[in-house]
């Protein structure tokens, strides 16, 4: 990374927008986790790190002048200021022709210049692209495909199921699928789901970036559940 800033922002862009709205109600002298008690511990950490990366707050959580401007502007003026924030934070990305850039080009810069890799790199790209879209900045169609692409479902042999076979499923199979539907409910962004093998239909939903403090609270909750069950 070119300086001592945190790794590239990888919180949800919507979370950043909501944070700016919240701060517009009254900007504290220190923008720390306690200013966003409505978020989970992991989301708080990601948000603070992202704001430091964007240079909205300093190392001691003090609001930067640009943050003071952002929270005092209306939506249209805020978008214009956020564009300047992004152009500064992502200087290497904007040095590309963003209208023609490929996902591989952006991923390489993210990895080499902004200290991210693996799933964090992908989440960083999502944050960047969501921000550019919100600001009305045109990007390469290849990047748009990266943002919206979803993995295709396939059978164990790698071939997609045909519509005719799906329609020919027996009634019992359809009933089994209906019973399975609640278990496949959408998991909120920033969270993951872990099924519990020994309990049919049971699973745990948890933040993907839990801190040690979050784990400690989680373990305490499990201990409490165990005590209740054993009564």
C-alpha atoms as a PDB file:
ATOM      1  CA  UNK A   1       0.000   0.000   0.000  1.00  0.00           C
ATOM      2  CA  UNK A   2       1.259   3.505  -0.769  1.00  0.00           C
ATOM      3  CA  UNK A   3       0.767   4.793   2.788  1.00  0.00           C
ATOM      4  CA  UNK A   4      -0.283   3.741   6.274  1.00  0.00           C
ATOM      5  CA  UNK A   5      -4.008   3.859   5.621  1.00  0.00           C
ATOM      6  CA  UNK A   6      -6.183   0.823   6.395  1.00  0.00           C
ATOM      7  CA  UNK A   7      -6.975  -1.606   3.592  1.00  0.00           C
ATOM      8  CA  UNK A   8      -9.529  -0.567   0.985  1.00  0.00           C
ATOM      9  CA  UNK A   9     -13.090  -0.057   2.179  1.00  0.00           C
ATOM     10  CA  UNK A  10     -15.190  -3.219   2.117  1.00  0.00           C
ATOM     11  CA  UNK A  11     -18.247  -2.297   4.153  1.00  0.00           C
ATOM     12  CA  UNK A  12     -21.575  -2.073   2.317  1.00  0.00           C
ATOM     13  CA  UNK A  13     -21.812   1.271   0.486  1.00  0.00           C
ATOM     14  CA  UNK A  14     -25.351   1.624   1.806  1.00  0.00           C
ATOM     15  CA  UNK A  15     -23.928   1.400   5.336  1.00  0.00           C
ATOM     16  CA  UNK A  16     -21.647   4.344   4.560  1.00  0.00           C
ATOM     17  CA  UNK A  17     -24.573   6.363   3.181  1.00  0.00           C
ATOM     18  CA  UNK A  18     -26.631   5.624   6.288  1.00  0.00           C
ATOM     19  CA  UNK A  19     -23.684   6.606   8.488  1.00  0.00           C
ATOM     20  CA  UNK A  20     -23.399   9.981   6.748  1.00  0.00           C
ATOM     21  CA  UNK A  21     -27.139  10.543   7.242  1.00  0.00           C
ATOM     22  CA  UNK A  22     -26.759   9.721  10.930  1.00  0.00           C
ATOM     23  CA  UNK A  23     -23.788  12.056  11.349  1.00  0.00           C
ATOM     24  CA  UNK A  24     -25.701  14.844   9.627  1.00  0.00           C
ATOM     25  CA  UNK A  25     -27.952  14.916  12.710  1.00  0.00           C
ATOM     26  CA  UNK A  26     -24.954  16.056  14.746  1.00  0.00           C
ATOM     27  CA  UNK A  27     -21.264  15.439  14.104  1.00  0.00           C
ATOM     28  CA  UNK A  28     -19.418  14.245  17.258  1.00  0.00           C
ATOM     29  CA  UNK A  29     -15.882  15.348  18.089  1.00  0.00           C
ATOM     30  CA  UNK A  30     -14.765  11.706  17.779  1.00  0.00           C
ATOM     31  CA  UNK A  31     -16.295   9.401  15.179  1.00  0.00           C
ATOM     32  CA  UNK A  32     -15.830   5.998  16.812  1.00  0.00           C
ATOM     33  CA  UNK A  33     -17.821   2.763  17.044  1.00  0.00           C
ATOM     34  CA  UNK A  34     -20.113   4.133  19.731  1.00  0.00           C
ATOM     35  CA  UNK A  35     -21.550   6.581  17.184  1.00  0.00           C
ATOM     36  CA  UNK A  36     -23.082   3.610  15.336  1.00  0.00           C
ATOM     37  CA  UNK A  37     -24.554   1.421  18.053  1.00  0.00           C
ATOM     38  CA  UNK A  38     -27.309   0.350  15.651  1.00  0.00           C
ATOM     39  CA  UNK A  39     -24.725  -1.771  13.770  1.00  0.00           C
ATOM     40  CA  UNK A  40     -23.141  -5.089  14.751  1.00  0.00           C
ATOM     41  CA  UNK A  41     -19.612  -5.030  16.162  1.00  0.00           C
ATOM     42  CA  UNK A  42     -18.087  -6.295  12.906  1.00  0.00           C
ATOM     43  CA  UNK A  43     -20.006  -3.753  10.813  1.00  0.00           C
ATOM     44  CA  UNK A  44     -18.859  -0.983  13.150  1.00  0.00           C
ATOM     45  CA  UNK A  45     -15.227  -2.045  12.668  1.00  0.00           C
ATOM     46  CA  UNK A  46     -15.597  -2.218   8.893  1.00  0.00           C
ATOM     47  CA  UNK A  47     -17.270   1.186   8.771  1.00  0.00           C
ATOM     48  CA  UNK A  48     -14.617   2.925  10.878  1.00  0.00           C
ATOM     49  CA  UNK A  49     -11.824   1.303   8.839  1.00  0.00           C
ATOM     50  CA  UNK A  50     -13.539   2.359   5.606  1.00  0.00           C
ATOM     51  CA  UNK A  51     -13.932   5.937   6.789  1.00  0.00           C
ATOM     52  CA  UNK A  52     -10.234   6.046   7.654  1.00  0.00           C
ATOM     53  CA  UNK A  53      -9.338   4.661   4.221  1.00  0.00           C
ATOM     54  CA  UNK A  54     -11.473   7.355   2.568  1.00  0.00           C
ATOM     55  CA  UNK A  55      -9.788   9.943   4.819  1.00  0.00           C
ATOM     56  CA  UNK A  56     -13.113  11.006   6.317  1.00  0.00           C
ATOM     57  CA  UNK A  57     -11.683  10.593   9.810  1.00  0.00           C
ATOM     58  CA  UNK A  58      -8.135  10.641  11.189  1.00  0.00           C
ATOM     59  CA  UNK A  59      -6.149   8.063  13.152  1.00  0.00           C
ATOM     60  CA  UNK A  60      -7.614   9.417  16.383  1.00  0.00           C
ATOM     61  CA  UNK A  61     -11.152   9.310  14.951  1.00  0.00           C
ATOM     62  CA  UNK A  62     -11.301  13.085  14.559  1.00  0.00           C
ATOM     63  CA  UNK A  63     -13.614  14.228  11.711  1.00  0.00           C
ATOM     64  CA  UNK A  64     -11.752  15.470   8.641  1.00  0.00           C
ATOM     65  CA  UNK A  65     -12.815  18.788   7.065  1.00  0.00           C
ATOM     66  CA  UNK A  66     -14.293  16.891   4.102  1.00  0.00           C
ATOM     67  CA  UNK A  67     -16.551  14.903   6.452  1.00  0.00           C
ATOM     68  CA  UNK A  68     -17.825  18.117   8.002  1.00  0.00           C
ATOM     69  CA  UNK A  69     -18.717  19.308   4.498  1.00  0.00           C
ATOM     70  CA  UNK A  70     -20.366  16.025   3.533  1.00  0.00           C
ATOM     71  CA  UNK A  71     -22.743  15.899   6.470  1.00  0.00           C
ATOM     72  CA  UNK A  72     -23.839  19.498   5.894  1.00  0.00           C
ATOM     73  CA  UNK A  73     -24.773  19.053   2.230  1.00  0.00           C
ATOM     74  CA  UNK A  74     -27.940  17.890   0.509  1.00  0.00           C
ATOM     75  CA  UNK A  75     -27.991  14.637  -1.465  1.00  0.00           C
ATOM     76  CA  UNK A  76     -26.922  16.146  -4.811  1.00  0.00           C
ATOM     77  CA  UNK A  77     -24.069  18.199  -3.316  1.00  0.00           C
ATOM     78  CA  UNK A  78     -22.959  15.198  -1.268  1.00  0.00           C
ATOM     79  CA  UNK A  79     -22.587  13.057  -4.401  1.00  0.00           C
ATOM     80  CA  UNK A  80     -20.297  15.666  -5.935  1.00  0.00           C
ATOM     81  CA  UNK A  81     -18.116  15.743  -2.814  1.00  0.00           C
ATOM     82  CA  UNK A  82     -18.052  11.943  -2.561  1.00  0.00           C
ATOM     83  CA  UNK A  83     -16.743  11.793  -6.099  1.00  0.00           C
ATOM     84  CA  UNK A  84     -13.740  13.885  -5.001  1.00  0.00           C
ATOM     85  CA  UNK A  85     -13.293  11.613  -1.987  1.00  0.00           C
ATOM     86  CA  UNK A  86     -13.250   8.532  -4.235  1.00  0.00           C
ATOM     87  CA  UNK A  87     -10.941  10.104  -6.798  1.00  0.00           C
ATOM     88  CA  UNK A  88      -8.443  10.800  -4.025  1.00  0.00           C
ATOM     89  CA  UNK A  89      -8.761   7.455  -2.230  1.00  0.00           C
ATOM     90  CA  UNK A  90      -8.752   5.383  -5.430  1.00  0.00           C
ATOM     91  CA  UNK A  91      -6.248   7.453  -7.432  1.00  0.00           C
ATOM     92  CA  UNK A  92      -4.710   4.350  -9.058  1.00  0.00           C
ATOM     93  CA  UNK A  93      -8.134   3.083 -10.135  1.00  0.00           C
ATOM     94  CA  UNK A  94      -9.143   6.420 -11.620  1.00  0.00           C
ATOM     95  CA  UNK A  95      -5.815   6.528 -13.473  1.00  0.00           C
ATOM     96  CA  UNK A  96      -7.271   3.716 -15.600  1.00  0.00           C
ATOM     97  CA  UNK A  97      -9.862   4.389 -18.247  1.00  0.00           C
ATOM     98  CA  UNK A  98     -12.632   3.215 -15.931  1.00  0.00           C
ATOM     99  CA  UNK A  99     -15.046   3.078 -18.875  1.00  0.00           C
ATOM    100  CA  UNK A 100     -12.915   0.367 -20.498  1.00  0.00           C
ATOM    101  CA  UNK A 101     -11.252  -1.363 -17.530  1.00  0.00           C
ATOM    102  CA  UNK A 102     -11.605  -5.110 -17.002  1.00  0.00           C
ATOM    103  CA  UNK A 103     -12.212  -6.866 -13.669  1.00  0.00           C
ATOM    104  CA  UNK A 104      -8.684  -8.323 -13.790  1.00  0.00           C
ATOM    105  CA  UNK A 105      -7.135  -4.847 -14.068  1.00  0.00           C
ATOM    106  CA  UNK A 106      -9.100  -3.515 -11.108  1.00  0.00           C
ATOM    107  CA  UNK A 107      -8.419  -6.629  -8.991  1.00  0.00           C
ATOM    108  CA  UNK A 108      -4.688  -6.319  -9.629  1.00  0.00           C
ATOM    109  CA  UNK A 109      -4.635  -2.696  -8.496  1.00  0.00           C
ATOM    110  CA  UNK A 110      -6.781  -3.517  -5.474  1.00  0.00           C
ATOM    111  CA  UNK A 111      -4.383  -6.266  -4.419  1.00  0.00           C
ATOM    112  CA  UNK A 112      -1.160  -4.351  -5.098  1.00  0.00           C
ATOM    113  CA  UNK A 113      -2.136  -0.864  -3.963  1.00  0.00           C
ATOM    114  CA  UNK A 114      -4.909  -1.266  -1.393  1.00  0.00           C
ATOM    115  CA  UNK A 115      -3.897  -4.268   0.709  1.00  0.00           C
ATOM    116  CA  UNK A 116      -6.843  -6.595   0.071  1.00  0.00           C
ATOM    117  CA  UNK A 117      -7.122 -10.183  -1.138  1.00  0.00           C
ATOM    118  CA  UNK A 118      -9.553 -13.089  -1.348  1.00  0.00           C
ATOM    119  CA  UNK A 119     -13.158 -12.405  -0.357  1.00  0.00           C
ATOM    120  CA  UNK A 120     -12.169  -9.033   1.106  1.00  0.00           C
ATOM    121  CA  UNK A 121     -10.916  -7.979  -2.328  1.00  0.00           C
ATOM    122  CA  UNK A 122     -14.245  -8.928  -3.896  1.00  0.00           C
ATOM    123  CA  UNK A 123     -16.156  -7.009  -1.219  1.00  0.00           C
ATOM    124  CA  UNK A 124     -13.850  -4.024  -1.764  1.00  0.00           C
ATOM    125  CA  UNK A 125     -14.655  -4.072  -5.474  1.00  0.00           C
ATOM    126  CA  UNK A 126     -18.365  -4.267  -4.682  1.00  0.00           C
ATOM    127  CA  UNK A 127     -18.107  -1.217  -2.421  1.00  0.00           C
ATOM    128  CA  UNK A 128     -16.224   0.730  -5.100  1.00  0.00           C
ATOM    129  CA  UNK A 129     -18.657  -0.175  -7.877  1.00  0.00           C
ATOM    130  CA  UNK A 130     -21.709   0.528  -5.712  1.00  0.00           C
ATOM    131  CA  UNK A 131     -20.253   3.931  -4.893  1.00  0.00           C
ATOM    132  CA  UNK A 132     -19.496   4.770  -8.523  1.00  0.00           C
ATOM    133  CA  UNK A 133     -23.011   3.736  -9.514  1.00  0.00           C
ATOM    134  CA  UNK A 134     -24.565   5.859  -6.743  1.00  0.00           C
ATOM    135  CA  UNK A 135     -22.568   8.862  -7.966  1.00  0.00           C
ATOM    136  CA  UNK A 136     -23.610   8.313 -11.568  1.00  0.00           C
ATOM    137  CA  UNK A 137     -20.062   7.584 -12.765  1.00  0.00           C
ATOM    138  CA  UNK A 138     -20.019   5.438 -15.895  1.00  0.00           C
ATOM    139  CA  UNK A 139     -17.921   2.282 -15.680  1.00  0.00           C
ATOM    140  CA  UNK A 140     -16.915  -0.480 -18.045  1.00  0.00           C
ATOM    141  CA  UNK A 141     -19.698  -2.949 -18.948  1.00  0.00           C
ATOM    142  CA  UNK A 142     -17.316  -5.718 -17.843  1.00  0.00           C
ATOM    143  CA  UNK A 143     -17.254  -4.256 -14.352  1.00  0.00           C
ATOM    144  CA  UNK A 144     -21.042  -4.026 -14.338  1.00  0.00           C
ATOM    145  CA  UNK A 145     -21.186  -7.743 -15.092  1.00  0.00           C
ATOM    146  CA  UNK A 146     -18.810  -8.408 -12.203  1.00  0.00           C
ATOM    147  CA  UNK A 147     -21.106  -6.484  -9.852  1.00  0.00           C
ATOM    148  CA  UNK A 148     -24.311  -8.244 -10.882  1.00  0.00           C
ATOM    149  CA  UNK A 149     -23.137 -11.745 -11.843  1.00  0.00           C
ATOM    150  CA  UNK A 150     -24.487 -14.684  -9.854  1.00  0.00           C
ATOM    151  CA  UNK A 151     -23.178 -18.279  -9.913  1.00  0.00           C
ATOM    152  CA  UNK A 152     -25.242 -20.664 -12.025  1.00  0.00           C
ATOM    153  CA  UNK A 153     -26.770 -23.713 -10.391  1.00  0.00           C
ATOM    154  CA  UNK A 154     -25.796 -27.063 -11.846  1.00  0.00           C
ATOM    155  CA  UNK A 155     -26.305 -30.773 -11.211  1.00  0.00           C
ATOM    156  CA  UNK A 156     -23.532 -32.984  -9.736  1.00  0.00           C
ATOM    157  CA  UNK A 157     -22.388 -33.889 -13.280  1.00  0.00           C
ATOM    158  CA  UNK A 158     -21.957 -30.170 -14.107  1.00  0.00           C
ATOM    159  CA  UNK A 159     -24.940 -29.919 -16.471  1.00  0.00           C
ATOM    160  CA  UNK A 160     -27.759 -27.454 -15.947  1.00  0.00           C
ATOM    161  CA  UNK A 161     -31.179 -28.928 -15.244  1.00  0.00           C
ATOM    162  CA  UNK A 162     -33.667 -28.705 -18.093  1.00  0.00           C
ATOM    163  CA  UNK A 163     -37.018 -27.045 -17.566  1.00  0.00           C
ATOM    164  CA  UNK A 164     -38.922 -30.146 -18.664  1.00  0.00           C
ATOM    165  CA  UNK A 165     -37.272 -32.304 -16.014  1.00  0.00           C
ATOM    166  CA  UNK A 166     -37.966 -29.716 -13.355  1.00  0.00           C
ATOM    167  CA  UNK A 167     -41.633 -29.702 -14.323  1.00  0.00           C
ATOM    168  CA  UNK A 168     -41.746 -33.491 -14.191  1.00  0.00           C
ATOM    169  CA  UNK A 169     -40.788 -33.677 -10.521  1.00  0.00           C
ATOM    170  CA  UNK A 170     -43.163 -35.843  -8.484  1.00  0.00           C
ATOM    171  CA  UNK A 171     -45.459 -34.232  -5.966  1.00  0.00           C
ATOM    172  CA  UNK A 172     -43.491 -35.637  -3.019  1.00  0.00           C
ATOM    173  CA  UNK A 173     -40.287 -33.984  -4.283  1.00  0.00           C
ATOM    174  CA  UNK A 174     -42.069 -30.637  -4.603  1.00  0.00           C
ATOM    175  CA  UNK A 175     -43.326 -30.978  -1.025  1.00  0.00           C
ATOM    176  CA  UNK A 176     -39.765 -31.674   0.135  1.00  0.00           C
ATOM    177  CA  UNK A 177     -38.606 -28.516  -1.664  1.00  0.00           C
ATOM    178  CA  UNK A 178     -41.359 -26.495  -0.016  1.00  0.00           C
ATOM    179  CA  UNK A 179     -40.255 -27.764   3.389  1.00  0.00           C
ATOM    180  CA  UNK A 180     -36.668 -26.859   2.524  1.00  0.00           C
ATOM    181  CA  UNK A 181     -37.550 -23.283   1.435  1.00  0.00           C
ATOM    182  CA  UNK A 182     -37.365 -21.666   4.921  1.00  0.00           C
ATOM    183  CA  UNK A 183     -33.825 -22.977   5.277  1.00  0.00           C
ATOM    184  CA  UNK A 184     -32.815 -21.217   2.051  1.00  0.00           C
ATOM    185  CA  UNK A 185     -34.061 -17.805   3.089  1.00  0.00           C
ATOM    186  CA  UNK A 186     -31.884 -14.873   2.071  1.00  0.00           C
ATOM    187  CA  UNK A 187     -28.992 -14.094   4.419  1.00  0.00           C
ATOM    188  CA  UNK A 188     -28.446 -10.341   5.045  1.00  0.00           C
ATOM    189  CA  UNK A 189     -25.447  -8.751   3.381  1.00  0.00           C
ATOM    190  CA  UNK A 190     -22.340  -9.034   5.522  1.00  0.00           C
ATOM    191  CA  UNK A 191     -23.558 -12.250   7.181  1.00  0.00           C
ATOM    192  CA  UNK A 192     -23.146 -15.983   6.532  1.00  0.00           C
ATOM    193  CA  UNK A 193     -25.157 -19.042   7.531  1.00  0.00           C
ATOM    194  CA  UNK A 194     -23.877 -22.267   9.080  1.00  0.00           C
ATOM    195  CA  UNK A 195     -26.231 -25.241   9.248  1.00  0.00           C
ATOM    196  CA  UNK A 196     -26.147 -27.420  12.376  1.00  0.00           C
ATOM    197  CA  UNK A 197     -25.730 -31.011  11.068  1.00  0.00           C
ATOM    198  CA  UNK A 198     -27.335 -32.780  14.040  1.00  0.00           C
ATOM    199  CA  UNK A 199     -30.441 -30.552  14.146  1.00  0.00           C
ATOM    200  CA  UNK A 200     -32.634 -30.832  11.083  1.00  0.00           C
ATOM    201  CA  UNK A 201     -33.585 -27.401   9.749  1.00  0.00           C
ATOM    202  CA  UNK A 202     -31.479 -25.512  12.300  1.00  0.00           C
ATOM    203  CA  UNK A 203     -28.747 -23.036  11.393  1.00  0.00           C
ATOM    204  CA  UNK A 204     -26.834 -20.046  12.759  1.00  0.00           C
ATOM    205  CA  UNK A 205     -26.546 -16.686  11.001  1.00  0.00           C
ATOM    206  CA  UNK A 206     -23.421 -14.716  11.947  1.00  0.00           C
ATOM    207  CA  UNK A 207     -21.364 -11.699  10.732  1.00  0.00           C
ATOM    208  CA  UNK A 208     -18.604 -12.786   8.328  1.00  0.00           C
ATOM    209  CA  UNK A 209     -16.018 -10.591  10.034  1.00  0.00           C
ATOM    210  CA  UNK A 210     -16.559 -11.317  13.707  1.00  0.00           C
ATOM    211  CA  UNK A 211     -14.090  -9.763  16.131  1.00  0.00           C
ATOM    212  CA  UNK A 212     -12.660 -11.543  19.171  1.00  0.00           C
ATOM    213  CA  UNK A 213     -15.143  -9.623  21.308  1.00  0.00           C
ATOM    214  CA  UNK A 214     -17.993 -10.851  19.074  1.00  0.00           C
ATOM    215  CA  UNK A 215     -16.788 -14.446  19.457  1.00  0.00           C
ATOM    216  CA  UNK A 216     -16.677 -14.055  23.235  1.00  0.00           C
ATOM    217  CA  UNK A 217     -20.273 -12.812  23.276  1.00  0.00           C
ATOM    218  CA  UNK A 218     -21.297 -15.647  20.957  1.00  0.00           C
ATOM    219  CA  UNK A 219     -19.700 -18.239  23.247  1.00  0.00           C
ATOM    220  CA  UNK A 220     -21.463 -16.700  26.235  1.00  0.00           C
ATOM    221  CA  UNK A 221     -24.795 -16.936  24.386  1.00  0.00           C
ATOM    222  CA  UNK A 222     -24.167 -20.632  23.609  1.00  0.00           C
ATOM    223  CA  UNK A 223     -23.313 -21.300  27.246  1.00  0.00           C
ATOM    224  CA  UNK A 224     -26.580 -19.634  28.295  1.00  0.00           C
ATOM    225  CA  UNK A 225     -28.561 -21.741  25.787  1.00  0.00           C
ATOM    226  CA  UNK A 226     -26.911 -24.895  27.118  1.00  0.00           C
ATOM    227  CA  UNK A 227     -27.837 -24.014  30.687  1.00  0.00           C
ATOM    228  CA  UNK A 228     -31.459 -23.398  29.659  1.00  0.00           C
ATOM    229  CA  UNK A 229     -31.698 -26.716  27.794  1.00  0.00           C
ATOM    230  CA  UNK A 230     -30.258 -28.670  30.704  1.00  0.00           C
ATOM    231  CA  UNK A 231     -32.786 -27.337  33.218  1.00  0.00           C
END
